[in-house]
Amino acid sequence: VYDVWDISRRARIFNSGKSKEDIIIDFTQFVDDGINFLPAFIKTSDVTSNLLVFPGELLANIYDKYGDRLLEQNVRTFLQFRGGVNKGIRNTLMNEPEMFFAYNNGLTVTAEELKINDNKILSAKNLQIVNGGQTTSSIYFAKRDKGSIGDLNYADIELDKISVQMKLNVIEDTDIAEDMKSKISEYANTQNNIQTADLVSNHPFHKKLEDLSRRIQMPAGETGIPSKWFYERTRGQYNVKIRGYSSAQKKRFQVEYPSKQKFVKTDMAKFENTWRLKPWEVKKGAQANLKLLGQVISKEFEKDEDKFKEPFYKDLIAKAILFKN
């Protein structure tokens, strides 16, 4: 997708007080007359909720166009088809597509505004899938993978036979939108198989580190080629980045972000808390250490965000290098 960015467009985003441009998803680009919905709420001033039966093919097409921008409030990106849950999703897509609605828990989604006509949703502003990232990614990637189960090839999956249940929450008050999205994400993902590290993915501190890791280049090492460290804010990000690349694109990406320079939230906590001279907290385990450090860093971040800019990030990488050696 090619898109024109000029100085006036940048200025509009800057003046809006937002860090990113709004996404307006026009469903009529994919389906002629919009999507049926059922109001399922006692209307409040903060949030209105609706129930939808969302076509699987439409979900895949939207993900194809907007990608991970739909999952920024999700606590994990795609965890591939190695785990039993995602394998099960793919098996259902292949063997029992008509039963997908019955078997799957569906999606929890937020939006800031809907355009409705004749009881159908025509478009949504800033749609975010806060729960159901694995379902969305599995539907999208399953058909694109090479391979088969028995006599059936993955490419033969019929997405037009798949329906997904969706709980769509509309948060029109922009002042509370981010807080409500974070709460809905946290509560919708409060289940036994979610790691503690996953639940803090959306904290501004971790988003800041992610942004710094994508921008700051490190001095050339033994290879003579400058590279970057890849901070995996949401579990599985690194593999998802290279999943759809050609061999040449994959090599270029891995030169820029060598796999040995990938680190996750629990690694960050281990490097930082060791440097802060708290080995007894580090020894409590990855998840517990992250939680303990997170409580301290959250307060520090809220008090003075300026302390967590480029110098902090470069120091963190230095601590990582020291720790690894």
C-alpha atoms as a PDB file:
ATOM      1  CA  VAL A   1       0.000   0.000   0.000  1.00  0.00           C
ATOM      2  CA  TYR A   2       1.401   3.381  -1.015  1.00  0.00           C
ATOM      3  CA  ASP A   3       0.291   6.416   0.944  1.00  0.00           C
ATOM      4  CA  VAL A   4       1.268  10.077   0.669  1.00  0.00           C
ATOM      5  CA  TRP A   5       2.562  11.798   3.806  1.00  0.00           C
ATOM      6  CA  ASP A   6       3.219  15.525   3.599  1.00  0.00           C
ATOM      7  CA  ILE A   7       3.967  18.143   6.235  1.00  0.00           C
ATOM      8  CA  SER A   8       0.354  19.257   6.549  1.00  0.00           C
ATOM      9  CA  ARG A   9      -0.772  15.692   7.305  1.00  0.00           C
ATOM     10  CA  ARG A  10       1.909  15.394   9.975  1.00  0.00           C
ATOM     11  CA  ALA A  11       0.771  18.721  11.398  1.00  0.00           C
ATOM     12  CA  ARG A  12      -2.849  17.546  11.651  1.00  0.00           C
ATOM     13  CA  ILE A  13      -1.810  14.516  13.688  1.00  0.00           C
ATOM     14  CA  PHE A  14       0.482  16.604  15.901  1.00  0.00           C
ATOM     15  CA  ASN A  15      -2.226  19.186  16.582  1.00  0.00           C
ATOM     16  CA  SER A  16      -4.787  16.490  17.332  1.00  0.00           C
ATOM     17  CA  GLY A  17      -2.717  15.425  20.338  1.00  0.00           C
ATOM     18  CA  LYS A  18      -2.577  11.836  19.098  1.00  0.00           C
ATOM     19  CA  SER A  19       0.538   9.820  18.358  1.00  0.00           C
ATOM     20  CA  LYS A  20      -0.966   8.132  15.305  1.00  0.00           C
ATOM     21  CA  GLU A  21      -3.420   8.908  12.559  1.00  0.00           C
ATOM     22  CA  ASP A  22      -6.991   7.690  12.941  1.00  0.00           C
ATOM     23  CA  ILE A  23      -7.976   4.510  11.112  1.00  0.00           C
ATOM     24  CA  ILE A  24     -11.341   4.710   9.360  1.00  0.00           C
ATOM     25  CA  ILE A  25     -12.393   1.234   8.187  1.00  0.00           C
ATOM     26  CA  ASP A  26     -15.035   1.420   5.484  1.00  0.00           C
ATOM     27  CA  PHE A  27     -16.789  -1.956   5.543  1.00  0.00           C
ATOM     28  CA  THR A  28     -18.614  -1.159   2.303  1.00  0.00           C
ATOM     29  CA  GLN A  29     -15.289  -1.560   0.502  1.00  0.00           C
ATOM     30  CA  PHE A  30     -15.513  -5.262   1.338  1.00  0.00           C
ATOM     31  CA  VAL A  31     -19.253  -5.939   1.661  1.00  0.00           C
ATOM     32  CA  ASP A  32     -21.887  -4.034  -0.306  1.00  0.00           C
ATOM     33  CA  ASP A  33     -24.373  -2.974   2.355  1.00  0.00           C
ATOM     34  CA  GLY A  34     -22.501  -3.020   5.682  1.00  0.00           C
ATOM     35  CA  ILE A  35     -22.766  -5.382   8.657  1.00  0.00           C
ATOM     36  CA  ASN A  36     -25.836  -6.269  10.694  1.00  0.00           C
ATOM     37  CA  PHE A  37     -25.580  -5.683  14.445  1.00  0.00           C
ATOM     38  CA  LEU A  38     -27.638  -6.096  17.588  1.00  0.00           C
ATOM     39  CA  PRO A  39     -27.533  -3.441  20.343  1.00  0.00           C
ATOM     40  CA  ALA A  40     -26.712  -5.314  23.547  1.00  0.00           C
ATOM     41  CA  PHE A  41     -26.413  -2.699  26.219  1.00  0.00           C
ATOM     42  CA  ILE A  42     -28.017  -0.423  28.738  1.00  0.00           C
ATOM     43  CA  LYS A  43     -26.752   2.859  27.317  1.00  0.00           C
ATOM     44  CA  THR A  44     -24.321   4.795  29.523  1.00  0.00           C
ATOM     45  CA  SER A  45     -22.397   7.981  28.911  1.00  0.00           C
ATOM     46  CA  ASP A  46     -19.127   6.084  28.523  1.00  0.00           C
ATOM     47  CA  VAL A  47     -19.584   2.928  26.453  1.00  0.00           C
ATOM     48  CA  THR A  48     -22.202   1.366  24.192  1.00  0.00           C
ATOM     49  CA  SER A  49     -21.954  -2.309  23.264  1.00  0.00           C
ATOM     50  CA  ASN A  50     -23.159  -4.314  20.288  1.00  0.00           C
ATOM     51  CA  LEU A  51     -23.122  -7.934  19.175  1.00  0.00           C
ATOM     52  CA  LEU A  52     -22.143  -8.899  15.631  1.00  0.00           C
ATOM     53  CA  VAL A  53     -21.738 -12.003  13.529  1.00  0.00           C
ATOM     54  CA  PHE A  54     -18.603 -11.069  11.610  1.00  0.00           C
ATOM     55  CA  PRO A  55     -17.776 -12.820   8.303  1.00  0.00           C
ATOM     56  CA  GLY A  56     -14.408 -14.606   8.421  1.00  0.00           C
ATOM     57  CA  GLU A  57     -13.449 -13.481   4.928  1.00  0.00           C
ATOM     58  CA  LEU A  58     -14.125  -9.843   5.856  1.00  0.00           C
ATOM     59  CA  LEU A  59     -11.959 -10.182   8.979  1.00  0.00           C
ATOM     60  CA  ALA A  60      -9.081 -11.590   6.889  1.00  0.00           C
ATOM     61  CA  ASN A  61      -9.413  -8.795   4.306  1.00  0.00           C
ATOM     62  CA  ILE A  62      -9.360  -6.081   6.974  1.00  0.00           C
ATOM     63  CA  TYR A  63      -6.297  -7.640   8.620  1.00  0.00           C
ATOM     64  CA  ASP A  64      -4.627  -7.887   5.220  1.00  0.00           C
ATOM     65  CA  LYS A  65      -5.060  -4.126   4.735  1.00  0.00           C
ATOM     66  CA  TYR A  66      -4.395  -2.788   8.240  1.00  0.00           C
ATOM     67  CA  GLY A  67      -2.253  -5.525   9.802  1.00  0.00           C
ATOM     68  CA  ASP A  68      -0.941  -5.091  13.337  1.00  0.00           C
ATOM     69  CA  ARG A  69      -2.514  -1.643  13.687  1.00  0.00           C
ATOM     70  CA  LEU A  70      -5.721  -3.531  14.538  1.00  0.00           C
ATOM     71  CA  LEU A  71      -3.933  -5.317  17.388  1.00  0.00           C
ATOM     72  CA  GLU A  72      -2.143  -2.459  19.148  1.00  0.00           C
ATOM     73  CA  GLN A  73      -4.356  -2.911  22.233  1.00  0.00           C
ATOM     74  CA  ASN A  74      -3.978  -6.690  22.129  1.00  0.00           C
ATOM     75  CA  VAL A  75      -1.596  -8.200  24.677  1.00  0.00           C
ATOM     76  CA  ARG A  76      -0.024 -10.632  22.170  1.00  0.00           C
ATOM     77  CA  THR A  77       0.654 -10.831  18.471  1.00  0.00           C
ATOM     78  CA  PHE A  78       0.355 -14.067  16.481  1.00  0.00           C
ATOM     79  CA  LEU A  79       1.964 -17.029  18.275  1.00  0.00           C
ATOM     80  CA  GLN A  80       2.180 -19.136  15.087  1.00  0.00           C
ATOM     81  CA  PHE A  81       0.619 -22.600  14.664  1.00  0.00           C
ATOM     82  CA  ARG A  82       2.983 -24.415  17.023  1.00  0.00           C
ATOM     83  CA  GLY A  83       0.653 -24.301  20.039  1.00  0.00           C
ATOM     84  CA  GLY A  84      -2.345 -26.549  20.473  1.00  0.00           C
ATOM     85  CA  VAL A  85      -4.934 -23.741  20.501  1.00  0.00           C
ATOM     86  CA  ASN A  86      -3.917 -22.210  17.175  1.00  0.00           C
ATOM     87  CA  LYS A  87      -3.524 -25.650  15.604  1.00  0.00           C
ATOM     88  CA  GLY A  88      -7.069 -26.377  16.760  1.00  0.00           C
ATOM     89  CA  ILE A  89      -8.319 -23.157  15.150  1.00  0.00           C
ATOM     90  CA  ARG A  90      -6.690 -24.142  11.862  1.00  0.00           C
ATOM     91  CA  ASN A  91      -8.161 -27.658  12.026  1.00  0.00           C
ATOM     92  CA  THR A  92     -11.646 -26.205  12.526  1.00  0.00           C
ATOM     93  CA  LEU A  93     -11.131 -23.782   9.629  1.00  0.00           C
ATOM     94  CA  MET A  94     -10.216 -26.703   7.397  1.00  0.00           C
ATOM     95  CA  ASN A  95     -12.504 -29.479   8.534  1.00  0.00           C
ATOM     96  CA  GLU A  96     -15.547 -27.817  10.128  1.00  0.00           C
ATOM     97  CA  PRO A  97     -15.722 -24.182   8.956  1.00  0.00           C
ATOM     98  CA  GLU A  98     -19.487 -24.013   9.550  1.00  0.00           C
ATOM     99  CA  MET A  99     -18.883 -24.845  13.241  1.00  0.00           C
ATOM    100  CA  PHE A 100     -16.298 -22.122  13.816  1.00  0.00           C
ATOM    101  CA  PHE A 101     -18.861 -19.779  15.371  1.00  0.00           C
ATOM    102  CA  ALA A 102     -19.915 -22.472  17.834  1.00  0.00           C
ATOM    103  CA  TYR A 103     -16.394 -23.523  18.838  1.00  0.00           C
ATOM    104  CA  ASN A 104     -14.614 -20.165  19.033  1.00  0.00           C
ATOM    105  CA  ASN A 105     -14.883 -17.583  21.830  1.00  0.00           C
ATOM    106  CA  GLY A 106     -14.921 -14.743  19.316  1.00  0.00           C
ATOM    107  CA  LEU A 107     -13.504 -11.223  19.499  1.00  0.00           C
ATOM    108  CA  THR A 108     -13.757  -8.305  21.892  1.00  0.00           C
ATOM    109  CA  VAL A 109     -13.353  -5.092  19.909  1.00  0.00           C
ATOM    110  CA  THR A 110     -13.384  -1.375  20.647  1.00  0.00           C
ATOM    111  CA  ALA A 111     -14.066   1.588  18.362  1.00  0.00           C
ATOM    112  CA  GLU A 112     -14.401   5.320  18.888  1.00  0.00           C
ATOM    113  CA  GLU A 113     -17.194   5.974  16.406  1.00  0.00           C
ATOM    114  CA  LEU A 114     -19.535   4.067  14.078  1.00  0.00           C
ATOM    115  CA  LYS A 115     -21.306   5.178  10.935  1.00  0.00           C
ATOM    116  CA  ILE A 116     -24.692   3.437  10.789  1.00  0.00           C
ATOM    117  CA  ASN A 117     -27.417   3.359   8.161  1.00  0.00           C
ATOM    118  CA  ASP A 118     -30.564   1.253   8.078  1.00  0.00           C
ATOM    119  CA  ASN A 119     -29.434  -0.754  11.141  1.00  0.00           C
ATOM    120  CA  LYS A 120     -26.133  -1.693   9.509  1.00  0.00           C
ATOM    121  CA  ILE A 121     -22.599  -0.597  10.376  1.00  0.00           C
ATOM    122  CA  LEU A 122     -20.979   1.079   7.369  1.00  0.00           C
ATOM    123  CA  SER A 123     -17.664   2.137   8.925  1.00  0.00           C
ATOM    124  CA  ALA A 124     -15.748   2.219  12.204  1.00  0.00           C
ATOM    125  CA  LYS A 125     -13.161   4.669  13.529  1.00  0.00           C
ATOM    126  CA  ASN A 126     -10.031   3.348  15.284  1.00  0.00           C
ATOM    127  CA  LEU A 127     -11.168  -0.267  15.488  1.00  0.00           C
ATOM    128  CA  GLN A 128      -9.034  -2.256  17.957  1.00  0.00           C
ATOM    129  CA  ILE A 129      -9.159  -6.011  18.571  1.00  0.00           C
ATOM    130  CA  VAL A 130      -8.388  -6.158  22.296  1.00  0.00           C
ATOM    131  CA  ASN A 131      -9.153  -9.860  22.698  1.00  0.00           C
ATOM    132  CA  GLY A 132      -9.062 -12.363  19.855  1.00  0.00           C
ATOM    133  CA  GLY A 133      -5.716 -11.587  18.252  1.00  0.00           C
ATOM    134  CA  GLN A 134      -4.930 -15.294  17.896  1.00  0.00           C
ATOM    135  CA  THR A 135      -8.293 -15.943  16.234  1.00  0.00           C
ATOM    136  CA  THR A 136      -7.829 -13.035  13.813  1.00  0.00           C
ATOM    137  CA  SER A 137      -4.243 -13.946  12.914  1.00  0.00           C
ATOM    138  CA  SER A 138      -5.036 -17.652  12.586  1.00  0.00           C
ATOM    139  CA  ILE A 139      -7.895 -16.942  10.168  1.00  0.00           C
ATOM    140  CA  TYR A 140      -5.611 -14.691   8.127  1.00  0.00           C
ATOM    141  CA  PHE A 141      -2.463 -16.858   8.053  1.00  0.00           C
ATOM    142  CA  ALA A 142      -4.020 -20.358   7.894  1.00  0.00           C
ATOM    143  CA  LYS A 143      -4.976 -20.088   4.222  1.00  0.00           C
ATOM    144  CA  ARG A 144      -1.628 -18.501   3.319  1.00  0.00           C
ATOM    145  CA  ASP A 145       0.574 -21.223   4.815  1.00  0.00           C
ATOM    146  CA  LYS A 146       1.996 -24.015   2.698  1.00  0.00           C
ATOM    147  CA  GLY A 147       1.050 -27.508   3.775  1.00  0.00           C
ATOM    148  CA  SER A 148      -1.883 -29.815   4.300  1.00  0.00           C
ATOM    149  CA  ILE A 149      -3.824 -31.950   6.758  1.00  0.00           C
ATOM    150  CA  GLY A 150      -4.594 -35.281   5.160  1.00  0.00           C
ATOM    151  CA  ASP A 151      -5.946 -34.682   1.671  1.00  0.00           C
ATOM    152  CA  LEU A 152      -6.777 -31.026   2.338  1.00  0.00           C
ATOM    153  CA  ASN A 153      -4.333 -28.212   1.556  1.00  0.00           C
ATOM    154  CA  TYR A 154      -4.270 -25.095   3.711  1.00  0.00           C
ATOM    155  CA  ALA A 155      -4.932 -23.061   0.567  1.00  0.00           C
ATOM    156  CA  ASP A 156      -8.324 -24.817   0.249  1.00  0.00           C
ATOM    157  CA  ILE A 157      -9.714 -23.260   3.446  1.00  0.00           C
ATOM    158  CA  GLU A 158     -13.065 -21.615   2.626  1.00  0.00           C
ATOM    159  CA  LEU A 159     -13.205 -18.378   4.589  1.00  0.00           C
ATOM    160  CA  ASP A 160     -16.627 -17.523   3.143  1.00  0.00           C
ATOM    161  CA  LYS A 161     -18.087 -20.327   5.292  1.00  0.00           C
ATOM    162  CA  ILE A 162     -16.689 -18.897   8.526  1.00  0.00           C
ATOM    163  CA  SER A 163     -18.468 -16.589  10.951  1.00  0.00           C
ATOM    164  CA  VAL A 164     -16.990 -15.086  14.121  1.00  0.00           C
ATOM    165  CA  GLN A 165     -18.908 -13.653  17.043  1.00  0.00           C
ATOM    166  CA  MET A 166     -17.858 -10.140  17.980  1.00  0.00           C
ATOM    167  CA  LYS A 167     -18.530  -7.907  20.969  1.00  0.00           C
ATOM    168  CA  LEU A 168     -18.064  -4.338  19.744  1.00  0.00           C
ATOM    169  CA  ASN A 169     -17.713  -1.613  22.382  1.00  0.00           C
ATOM    170  CA  VAL A 170     -17.967   2.003  21.206  1.00  0.00           C
ATOM    171  CA  ILE A 171     -16.126   4.591  23.311  1.00  0.00           C
ATOM    172  CA  GLU A 172     -17.007   8.015  21.943  1.00  0.00           C
ATOM    173  CA  ASP A 173     -15.407  10.103  24.716  1.00  0.00           C
ATOM    174  CA  THR A 174     -11.809  10.518  23.497  1.00  0.00           C
ATOM    175  CA  ASP A 175     -10.672  11.658  26.952  1.00  0.00           C
ATOM    176  CA  ILE A 176     -11.338   8.226  28.428  1.00  0.00           C
ATOM    177  CA  ALA A 177     -10.853   6.121  25.279  1.00  0.00           C
ATOM    178  CA  GLU A 178      -7.294   4.918  25.961  1.00  0.00           C
ATOM    179  CA  ASP A 179      -8.030   4.119  29.604  1.00  0.00           C
ATOM    180  CA  MET A 180     -11.213   2.219  28.719  1.00  0.00           C
ATOM    181  CA  LYS A 181      -9.443   0.276  25.944  1.00  0.00           C
ATOM    182  CA  SER A 182      -6.710  -0.716  28.387  1.00  0.00           C
ATOM    183  CA  LYS A 183      -9.271  -1.849  30.990  1.00  0.00           C
ATOM    184  CA  ILE A 184     -11.354  -3.804  28.473  1.00  0.00           C
ATOM    185  CA  SER A 185      -8.145  -5.429  27.167  1.00  0.00           C
ATOM    186  CA  GLU A 186      -6.989  -6.342  30.671  1.00  0.00           C
ATOM    187  CA  TYR A 187     -10.338  -7.739  31.834  1.00  0.00           C
ATOM    188  CA  ALA A 188     -11.098  -9.571  28.575  1.00  0.00           C
ATOM    189  CA  ASN A 189      -7.676 -11.238  28.752  1.00  0.00           C
ATOM    190  CA  THR A 190      -7.800 -12.223  32.403  1.00  0.00           C
ATOM    191  CA  GLN A 191      -7.545 -15.957  31.854  1.00  0.00           C
ATOM    192  CA  ASN A 192      -5.176 -18.634  33.116  1.00  0.00           C
ATOM    193  CA  ASN A 193      -3.137 -19.014  29.942  1.00  0.00           C
ATOM    194  CA  ILE A 194      -2.161 -15.334  29.683  1.00  0.00           C
ATOM    195  CA  GLN A 195       1.260 -14.587  31.168  1.00  0.00           C
ATOM    196  CA  THR A 196       1.713 -11.663  33.546  1.00  0.00           C
ATOM    197  CA  ALA A 197       4.235 -10.223  31.103  1.00  0.00           C
ATOM    198  CA  ASP A 198       1.582 -10.162  28.358  1.00  0.00           C
ATOM    199  CA  LEU A 199      -0.851  -8.104  30.422  1.00  0.00           C
ATOM    200  CA  VAL A 200       1.507  -5.160  30.872  1.00  0.00           C
ATOM    201  CA  SER A 201       2.312  -4.912  27.150  1.00  0.00           C
ATOM    202  CA  ASN A 202       0.208  -1.782  26.678  1.00  0.00           C
ATOM    203  CA  HIS A 203       1.806   0.289  29.422  1.00  0.00           C
ATOM    204  CA  PRO A 204       3.286   3.527  27.975  1.00  0.00           C
ATOM    205  CA  PHE A 205       6.745   2.550  29.285  1.00  0.00           C
ATOM    206  CA  HIS A 206       6.827  -0.601  27.149  1.00  0.00           C
ATOM    207  CA  LYS A 207       5.455   1.231  24.117  1.00  0.00           C
ATOM    208  CA  LYS A 208       8.211   3.819  24.575  1.00  0.00           C
ATOM    209  CA  LEU A 209      10.905   1.134  24.681  1.00  0.00           C
ATOM    210  CA  GLU A 210       9.472  -0.495  21.566  1.00  0.00           C
ATOM    211  CA  ASP A 211       9.577   2.802  19.705  1.00  0.00           C
ATOM    212  CA  LEU A 212      13.168   3.510  20.792  1.00  0.00           C
ATOM    213  CA  SER A 213      14.299   0.026  19.756  1.00  0.00           C
ATOM    214  CA  ARG A 214      12.958   0.557  16.240  1.00  0.00           C
ATOM    215  CA  ARG A 215      14.741   3.906  15.854  1.00  0.00           C
ATOM    216  CA  ILE A 216      18.080   3.769  17.645  1.00  0.00           C
ATOM    217  CA  GLN A 217      20.975   2.201  15.784  1.00  0.00           C
ATOM    218  CA  MET A 218      23.858   0.665  17.705  1.00  0.00           C
ATOM    219  CA  PRO A 219      27.551   0.999  16.765  1.00  0.00           C
ATOM    220  CA  ALA A 220      28.884  -1.555  14.301  1.00  0.00           C
ATOM    221  CA  GLY A 221      30.267  -4.615  16.043  1.00  0.00           C
ATOM    222  CA  GLU A 222      32.413  -7.445  14.704  1.00  0.00           C
ATOM    223  CA  THR A 223      30.491  -7.500  11.412  1.00  0.00           C
ATOM    224  CA  GLY A 224      31.206  -3.838  10.710  1.00  0.00           C
ATOM    225  CA  ILE A 225      27.482  -3.304  10.042  1.00  0.00           C
ATOM    226  CA  PRO A 226      25.394  -1.124  12.382  1.00  0.00           C
ATOM    227  CA  SER A 227      22.345  -2.933  13.773  1.00  0.00           C
ATOM    228  CA  LYS A 228      19.468  -2.486  16.195  1.00  0.00           C
ATOM    229  CA  TRP A 229      18.147  -4.385  19.193  1.00  0.00           C
ATOM    230  CA  PHE A 230      14.564  -5.621  18.839  1.00  0.00           C
ATOM    231  CA  TYR A 231      12.361  -5.098  21.911  1.00  0.00           C
ATOM    232  CA  GLU A 232       9.499  -7.582  21.729  1.00  0.00           C
ATOM    233  CA  ARG A 233       6.727  -5.666  23.485  1.00  0.00           C
ATOM    234  CA  THR A 234       4.081  -8.252  22.599  1.00  0.00           C
ATOM    235  CA  ARG A 235       4.957 -11.916  22.572  1.00  0.00           C
ATOM    236  CA  GLY A 236       5.747 -13.281  19.107  1.00  0.00           C
ATOM    237  CA  GLN A 237       6.357  -9.907  17.398  1.00  0.00           C
ATOM    238  CA  TYR A 238       9.745 -10.847  15.950  1.00  0.00           C
ATOM    239  CA  ASN A 239       8.492 -14.016  14.226  1.00  0.00           C
ATOM    240  CA  VAL A 240       5.383 -12.272  12.917  1.00  0.00           C
ATOM    241  CA  LYS A 241       7.561  -9.551  11.362  1.00  0.00           C
ATOM    242  CA  ILE A 242       9.549 -12.042   9.285  1.00  0.00           C
ATOM    243  CA  ARG A 243       6.718 -14.483   8.634  1.00  0.00           C
ATOM    244  CA  GLY A 244       5.464 -12.903   5.426  1.00  0.00           C
ATOM    245  CA  TYR A 245       8.880 -11.826   4.112  1.00  0.00           C
ATOM    246  CA  SER A 246      10.645 -13.243   1.081  1.00  0.00           C
ATOM    247  CA  SER A 247      14.080 -14.800   1.672  1.00  0.00           C
ATOM    248  CA  ALA A 248      15.807 -11.560   0.666  1.00  0.00           C
ATOM    249  CA  GLN A 249      13.564  -9.420   2.883  1.00  0.00           C
ATOM    250  CA  LYS A 250      14.084 -11.820   5.784  1.00  0.00           C
ATOM    251  CA  LYS A 251      17.882 -11.582   5.435  1.00  0.00           C
ATOM    252  CA  ARG A 252      17.759  -7.780   5.347  1.00  0.00           C
ATOM    253  CA  PHE A 253      15.560  -7.706   8.447  1.00  0.00           C
ATOM    254  CA  GLN A 254      17.834 -10.100  10.342  1.00  0.00           C
ATOM    255  CA  VAL A 255      20.897  -8.032   9.447  1.00  0.00           C
ATOM    256  CA  GLU A 256      19.167  -4.969  10.893  1.00  0.00           C
ATOM    257  CA  TYR A 257      17.731  -6.892  13.865  1.00  0.00           C
ATOM    258  CA  PRO A 258      19.890  -9.987  14.550  1.00  0.00           C
ATOM    259  CA  SER A 259      17.983 -12.661  16.452  1.00  0.00           C
ATOM    260  CA  LYS A 260      20.622 -12.623  19.220  1.00  0.00           C
ATOM    261  CA  GLN A 261      19.695  -8.968  19.797  1.00  0.00           C
ATOM    262  CA  LYS A 262      16.024  -9.686  20.420  1.00  0.00           C
ATOM    263  CA  PHE A 263      14.883  -9.238  24.011  1.00  0.00           C
ATOM    264  CA  VAL A 264      11.515  -9.465  25.734  1.00  0.00           C
ATOM    265  CA  LYS A 265       9.946  -7.696  28.711  1.00  0.00           C
ATOM    266  CA  THR A 266      11.190 -10.246  31.237  1.00  0.00           C
ATOM    267  CA  ASP A 267      14.733  -9.933  29.826  1.00  0.00           C
ATOM    268  CA  MET A 268      14.527  -6.157  30.199  1.00  0.00           C
ATOM    269  CA  ALA A 269      13.462  -6.560  33.831  1.00  0.00           C
ATOM    270  CA  LYS A 270      16.326  -8.971  34.462  1.00  0.00           C
ATOM    271  CA  PHE A 271      18.945  -6.580  33.016  1.00  0.00           C
ATOM    272  CA  GLU A 272      17.541  -3.482  34.729  1.00  0.00           C
ATOM    273  CA  ASN A 273      16.833  -4.961  38.167  1.00  0.00           C
ATOM    274  CA  THR A 274      20.248  -6.636  38.316  1.00  0.00           C
ATOM    275  CA  TRP A 275      21.828  -3.237  37.653  1.00  0.00           C
ATOM    276  CA  ARG A 276      19.638  -1.772  40.407  1.00  0.00           C
ATOM    277  CA  LEU A 277      21.319  -4.242  42.785  1.00  0.00           C
ATOM    278  CA  LYS A 278      18.241  -6.332  43.589  1.00  0.00           C
ATOM    279  CA  PRO A 279      19.371  -9.905  42.847  1.00  0.00           C
ATOM    280  CA  TRP A 280      16.868 -11.365  45.326  1.00  0.00           C
ATOM    281  CA  GLU A 281      14.007 -10.003  43.178  1.00  0.00           C
ATOM    282  CA  VAL A 282      15.593 -11.260  39.953  1.00  0.00           C
ATOM    283  CA  LYS A 283      15.872 -14.736  41.492  1.00  0.00           C
ATOM    284  CA  LYS A 284      12.119 -14.864  42.154  1.00  0.00           C
ATOM    285  CA  GLY A 285      11.606 -15.717  38.489  1.00  0.00           C
ATOM    286  CA  ALA A 286      10.972 -13.868  35.234  1.00  0.00           C
ATOM    287  CA  GLN A 287       7.298 -13.019  35.721  1.00  0.00           C
ATOM    288  CA  ALA A 288       7.608 -12.078  39.410  1.00  0.00           C
ATOM    289  CA  ASN A 289      10.686  -9.926  38.756  1.00  0.00           C
ATOM    290  CA  LEU A 290       8.939  -8.080  35.922  1.00  0.00           C
ATOM    291  CA  LYS A 291       5.965  -7.383  38.163  1.00  0.00           C
ATOM    292  CA  LEU A 292       8.161  -6.045  40.981  1.00  0.00           C
ATOM    293  CA  LEU A 293      10.245  -3.838  38.694  1.00  0.00           C
ATOM    294  CA  GLY A 294       7.114  -2.739  36.836  1.00  0.00           C
ATOM    295  CA  GLN A 295       5.597  -1.335  40.019  1.00  0.00           C
ATOM    296  CA  VAL A 296       8.700   0.831  40.539  1.00  0.00           C
ATOM    297  CA  ILE A 297       9.207   1.898  36.927  1.00  0.00           C
ATOM    298  CA  SER A 298       5.516   2.771  36.470  1.00  0.00           C
ATOM    299  CA  LYS A 299       5.796   5.333  39.278  1.00  0.00           C
ATOM    300  CA  GLU A 300       9.083   6.673  37.916  1.00  0.00           C
ATOM    301  CA  PHE A 301       7.631   6.925  34.416  1.00  0.00           C
ATOM    302  CA  GLU A 302       4.544   8.786  35.608  1.00  0.00           C
ATOM    303  CA  LYS A 303       6.671  11.161  37.666  1.00  0.00           C
ATOM    304  CA  ASP A 304       9.135  12.056  34.891  1.00  0.00           C
ATOM    305  CA  GLU A 305       8.740  10.491  31.444  1.00  0.00           C
ATOM    306  CA  ASP A 306      11.800  12.407  30.205  1.00  0.00           C
ATOM    307  CA  LYS A 307      14.066  10.052  32.163  1.00  0.00           C
ATOM    308  CA  PHE A 308      13.097   7.251  29.772  1.00  0.00           C
ATOM    309  CA  LYS A 309      14.393   8.582  26.473  1.00  0.00           C
ATOM    310  CA  GLU A 310      17.398   7.684  24.318  1.00  0.00           C
ATOM    311  CA  PRO A 311      20.048   7.793  27.111  1.00  0.00           C
ATOM    312  CA  PHE A 312      17.984   5.363  29.216  1.00  0.00           C
ATOM    313  CA  TYR A 313      17.559   3.001  26.260  1.00  0.00           C
ATOM    314  CA  LYS A 314      21.269   3.033  25.348  1.00  0.00           C
ATOM    315  CA  ASP A 315      22.156   2.374  28.982  1.00  0.00           C
ATOM    316  CA  LEU A 316      19.675  -0.528  29.016  1.00  0.00           C
ATOM    317  CA  ILE A 317      21.361  -2.129  25.988  1.00  0.00           C
ATOM    318  CA  ALA A 318      24.741  -1.665  27.678  1.00  0.00           C
ATOM    319  CA  LYS A 319      23.328  -3.488  30.735  1.00  0.00           C
ATOM    320  CA  ALA A 320      22.067  -6.248  28.446  1.00  0.00           C
ATOM    321  CA  ILE A 321      25.511  -6.679  26.873  1.00  0.00           C
ATOM    322  CA  LEU A 322      27.160  -6.788  30.317  1.00  0.00           C
ATOM    323  CA  PHE A 323      24.599  -9.305  31.595  1.00  0.00           C
ATOM    324  CA  LYS A 324      24.937 -11.603  28.555  1.00  0.00           C
ATOM    325  CA  ASN A 325      28.731 -11.631  28.826  1.00  0.00           C
END
